[in-house]
């Protein structure tokens, strides 16, 4: 999984006045959990743009001005209800030997056969929550929808693998091809019907030739 580096400075004071002063200076107060004790730090709001305003999942390297670095993932974020400015971010520290739960985006590839025949692609879950060691965290979960016909669907049970586990039931639908008013029969069915047509025309033509 791709990683983004956040350069920050450790916070000595965590009171309301200090927090307000940080925000007024364009800094975001943050807390890193998961280690021996919480680590309070702050970083420039612009430093989080590639982490927050993207559908992709990333791990984070938190680099503090005292020389300490931590591997982490974003756990929670608070926005201002009016301005949408970032008010606070919580991170969770990663360890190589400990599994972590994370929401991973689903990426669909290919052109569905059912969609070509007028069906509608419905994305039931754009992200899936998985549990894995940090080294096995994927950037995205790829699904090839090319063979899907009208009425077909892909469920979590179809995506099982050895690198990570899903925190969903196997019958959780990820995507499906629904029928629509303009939907037609599958191409294979049309080809079969088309193959029978010449035989029928030939049968009708024979009597005409005898006359």
Protein backbone atom coordinates (compact mmCIF):
# COMPACT_ATOMS: atom_id res chain seq x y z
CA UNK A 1 0.00 0.00 0.00
CA UNK A 2 1.22 3.49 -0.83
CA UNK A 3 2.37 5.67 2.04
CA UNK A 4 2.13 9.41 2.67
CA UNK A 5 4.55 11.25 4.95
CA UNK A 6 3.14 13.80 7.41
CA UNK A 7 5.71 16.14 8.94
CA UNK A 8 4.60 17.39 12.34
CA UNK A 9 5.69 18.68 15.69
CA UNK A 10 4.96 17.13 19.06
CA UNK A 11 2.48 19.06 21.20
CA UNK A 12 3.53 19.96 24.71
CA UNK A 13 0.16 21.41 25.68
CA UNK A 14 -3.16 19.78 24.80
CA UNK A 15 -5.61 22.19 26.45
CA UNK A 16 -8.43 24.01 24.67
CA UNK A 17 -6.52 27.29 24.42
CA UNK A 18 -3.48 25.61 22.89
CA UNK A 19 -5.67 23.68 20.46
CA UNK A 20 -7.49 26.84 19.37
CA UNK A 21 -4.17 28.62 18.84
CA UNK A 22 -2.96 25.76 16.65
CA UNK A 23 -6.04 25.91 14.45
CA UNK A 24 -5.77 29.68 14.11
CA UNK A 25 -2.21 29.14 12.87
CA UNK A 26 -3.36 26.67 10.18
CA UNK A 27 -2.29 23.61 12.15
CA UNK A 28 -4.35 20.47 12.81
CA UNK A 29 -4.14 18.85 16.28
CA UNK A 30 -3.64 15.08 16.02
CA UNK A 31 -3.30 12.08 18.31
CA UNK A 32 -1.54 8.79 17.56
CA UNK A 33 -2.95 5.79 19.42
CA UNK A 34 -1.95 2.13 19.57
CA UNK A 35 1.50 2.46 21.15
CA UNK A 36 2.58 2.47 24.78
CA UNK A 37 0.98 5.89 25.22
CA UNK A 38 -0.85 8.42 23.01
CA UNK A 39 1.37 10.77 21.03
CA UNK A 40 -0.01 14.29 20.61
CA UNK A 41 1.28 16.28 17.64
CA UNK A 42 0.22 18.89 15.10
CA UNK A 43 0.81 19.37 11.38
CA UNK A 44 -0.10 21.91 8.72
CA UNK A 45 -3.63 21.45 7.36
CA UNK A 46 -2.35 21.39 3.77
CA UNK A 47 -0.22 18.34 4.62
CA UNK A 48 -3.36 16.19 4.85
CA UNK A 49 -4.85 17.02 1.43
CA UNK A 50 -3.52 13.88 -0.31
CA UNK A 51 -4.58 11.73 2.63
CA UNK A 52 -8.08 13.04 3.33
CA UNK A 53 -9.46 14.30 0.02
CA UNK A 54 -9.01 11.09 -1.96
CA UNK A 55 -10.96 7.85 -2.37
CA UNK A 56 -7.72 5.85 -2.15
CA UNK A 57 -6.42 4.18 0.99
CA UNK A 58 -2.95 5.01 2.31
CA UNK A 59 -0.73 4.26 5.23
CA UNK A 60 1.02 7.20 6.89
CA UNK A 61 4.54 7.89 8.06
CA UNK A 62 4.38 10.45 10.85
CA UNK A 63 7.73 12.25 11.03
CA UNK A 64 8.08 14.50 14.10
CA UNK A 65 10.54 17.34 14.50
CA UNK A 66 12.20 15.52 17.44
CA UNK A 67 13.39 12.77 15.07
CA UNK A 68 10.76 10.16 15.92
CA UNK A 69 8.83 8.42 13.13
CA UNK A 70 5.75 6.22 13.33
CA UNK A 71 3.91 4.08 10.80
CA UNK A 72 0.17 4.57 11.10
CA UNK A 73 -3.25 4.68 9.44
CA UNK A 74 -5.93 7.32 9.68
CA UNK A 75 -8.55 6.21 12.21
CA UNK A 76 -10.93 9.14 12.62
CA UNK A 77 -11.27 12.70 11.39
CA UNK A 78 -13.45 15.61 12.52
CA UNK A 79 -14.54 18.44 10.22
CA UNK A 80 -16.02 21.83 11.06
CA UNK A 81 -19.81 21.56 10.44
CA UNK A 82 -19.91 24.83 8.46
CA UNK A 83 -16.51 25.42 6.86
CA UNK A 84 -15.48 21.73 6.46
CA UNK A 85 -12.03 22.59 7.78
CA UNK A 86 -10.21 19.73 9.49
CA UNK A 87 -10.54 20.11 13.26
CA UNK A 88 -8.85 16.97 14.57
CA UNK A 89 -7.39 13.69 13.34
CA UNK A 90 -6.80 10.41 15.15
CA UNK A 91 -4.20 7.94 13.87
CA UNK A 92 -3.54 4.34 14.85
CA UNK A 93 0.02 3.05 15.00
CA UNK A 94 1.00 0.09 12.81
CA UNK A 95 3.20 -2.79 13.88
CA UNK A 96 4.61 -5.37 11.47
CA UNK A 97 3.34 -8.34 13.49
CA UNK A 98 -0.15 -6.99 14.30
CA UNK A 99 -3.15 -7.09 11.97
CA UNK A 100 -5.06 -3.89 11.31
CA UNK A 101 -8.65 -3.32 10.12
CA UNK A 102 -9.02 -0.85 7.26
CA UNK A 103 -11.55 0.21 4.62
CA UNK A 104 -10.17 -0.52 1.14
CA UNK A 105 -11.68 0.91 -2.08
CA UNK A 106 -13.12 -1.47 -4.68
CA UNK A 107 -11.88 -0.98 -8.24
CA UNK A 108 -13.93 -2.47 -11.10
CA UNK A 109 -12.18 -3.31 -14.37
CA UNK A 110 -13.43 -4.58 -17.71
CA UNK A 111 -16.66 -4.05 -19.66
CA UNK A 112 -19.55 -6.14 -18.40
CA UNK A 113 -21.32 -8.29 -20.96
CA UNK A 114 -24.60 -7.56 -19.19
CA UNK A 115 -24.10 -3.79 -19.42
CA UNK A 116 -23.38 -4.11 -23.16
CA UNK A 117 -26.79 -5.78 -23.48
CA UNK A 118 -28.58 -2.93 -21.71
CA UNK A 119 -28.21 -3.96 -18.08
CA UNK A 120 -27.29 -1.52 -15.32
CA UNK A 121 -24.19 -1.85 -13.15
CA UNK A 122 -24.98 -1.30 -9.48
CA UNK A 123 -22.15 -0.77 -7.01
CA UNK A 124 -23.46 -1.91 -3.62
CA UNK A 125 -20.18 -1.39 -1.77
CA UNK A 126 -17.49 1.00 -3.00
CA UNK A 127 -15.24 0.09 -0.06
CA UNK A 128 -14.74 -3.14 1.86
CA UNK A 129 -13.35 -3.49 5.36
CA UNK A 130 -10.53 -5.98 5.65
CA UNK A 131 -8.11 -7.20 8.30
CA UNK A 132 -4.47 -7.85 7.47
CA UNK A 133 -0.86 -7.41 8.45
CA UNK A 134 0.46 -4.02 7.27
CA UNK A 135 2.64 -5.66 4.60
CA UNK A 136 -0.44 -7.31 3.06
CA UNK A 137 -2.67 -4.23 2.89
CA UNK A 138 -3.70 -3.69 -0.76
CA UNK A 139 -4.10 -0.30 -2.45
CA UNK A 140 -7.48 -1.47 -3.74
CA UNK A 141 -9.56 -4.60 -4.29
CA UNK A 142 -9.83 -5.29 -8.03
CA UNK A 143 -12.84 -7.05 -9.55
CA UNK A 144 -13.06 -7.98 -13.24
CA UNK A 145 -16.71 -7.53 -14.25
CA UNK A 146 -16.21 -8.56 -17.91
CA UNK A 147 -17.99 -11.96 -17.65
CA UNK A 148 -20.97 -10.67 -15.66
CA UNK A 149 -24.33 -11.13 -17.40
CA UNK A 150 -27.65 -9.55 -16.50
CA UNK A 151 -28.67 -10.90 -13.11
CA UNK A 152 -25.10 -11.81 -12.08
CA UNK A 153 -23.48 -10.41 -8.96
CA UNK A 154 -20.18 -10.51 -7.09
CA UNK A 155 -20.27 -11.21 -3.36
CA UNK A 156 -17.53 -11.08 -0.72
CA UNK A 157 -17.41 -14.88 -0.76
CA UNK A 158 -16.17 -14.70 -4.36
CA UNK A 159 -13.15 -12.62 -3.32
CA UNK A 160 -11.60 -14.77 -0.61
CA UNK A 161 -7.79 -14.91 -0.58
CA UNK A 162 -4.83 -15.78 1.64
CA UNK A 163 -3.41 -12.30 2.26
CA UNK A 164 -6.30 -10.69 4.12
CA UNK A 165 -9.73 -11.46 5.53
CA UNK A 166 -12.97 -9.58 4.99
CA UNK A 167 -14.95 -8.19 7.91
CA UNK A 168 -18.21 -8.84 6.03
CA UNK A 169 -20.39 -11.90 5.60
CA UNK A 170 -19.69 -13.98 2.48
CA UNK A 171 -23.09 -13.07 0.98
CA UNK A 172 -22.45 -9.30 1.13
CA UNK A 173 -23.00 -8.08 -2.44
CA UNK A 174 -20.23 -5.87 -3.83
CA UNK A 175 -21.66 -5.22 -7.29
CA UNK A 176 -24.31 -6.64 -9.62
CA UNK A 177 -25.83 -6.25 -13.07
CA UNK A 178 -29.50 -5.36 -12.88
CA UNK A 179 -31.96 -5.60 -15.74
CA UNK A 180 -33.56 -2.53 -17.33
CA UNK A 181 -36.27 -1.66 -19.84
CA UNK A 182 -33.78 -1.56 -22.70
CA UNK A 183 -32.05 -4.80 -21.77
CA UNK A 184 -31.79 -7.49 -24.46
CA UNK A 185 -30.98 -11.17 -24.33
CA UNK A 186 -27.36 -12.21 -23.96
CA UNK A 187 -25.28 -12.34 -27.12
CA UNK A 188 -24.83 -16.11 -26.93
CA UNK A 189 -28.60 -16.59 -26.96
CA UNK A 190 -28.92 -14.22 -29.91
CA UNK A 191 -26.23 -16.08 -31.83
CA UNK A 192 -27.97 -19.39 -31.24
CA UNK A 193 -31.27 -17.99 -32.49
CA UNK A 194 -29.49 -16.46 -35.48
CA UNK A 195 -27.97 -19.84 -36.36
CA UNK A 196 -31.43 -21.42 -36.60
CA UNK A 197 -32.81 -18.72 -38.90
CA UNK A 198 -31.01 -19.76 -42.15
CA UNK A 199 -32.24 -23.34 -41.76
CA UNK A 200 -35.82 -22.12 -41.49
CA UNK A 201 -35.43 -19.88 -44.53
CA UNK A 202 -33.99 -22.77 -46.51
CA UNK A 203 -36.87 -25.02 -45.59
CA UNK A 204 -39.35 -22.45 -46.88
CA UNK A 205 -37.35 -21.87 -50.06
CA UNK A 206 -37.35 -25.54 -51.09
CA UNK A 207 -41.09 -25.85 -51.91
CA UNK A 208 -40.95 -22.59 -53.86
CA UNK A 209 -38.23 -24.02 -56.10
CA UNK A 210 -40.32 -27.13 -56.82
CA UNK A 211 -43.19 -25.00 -58.12
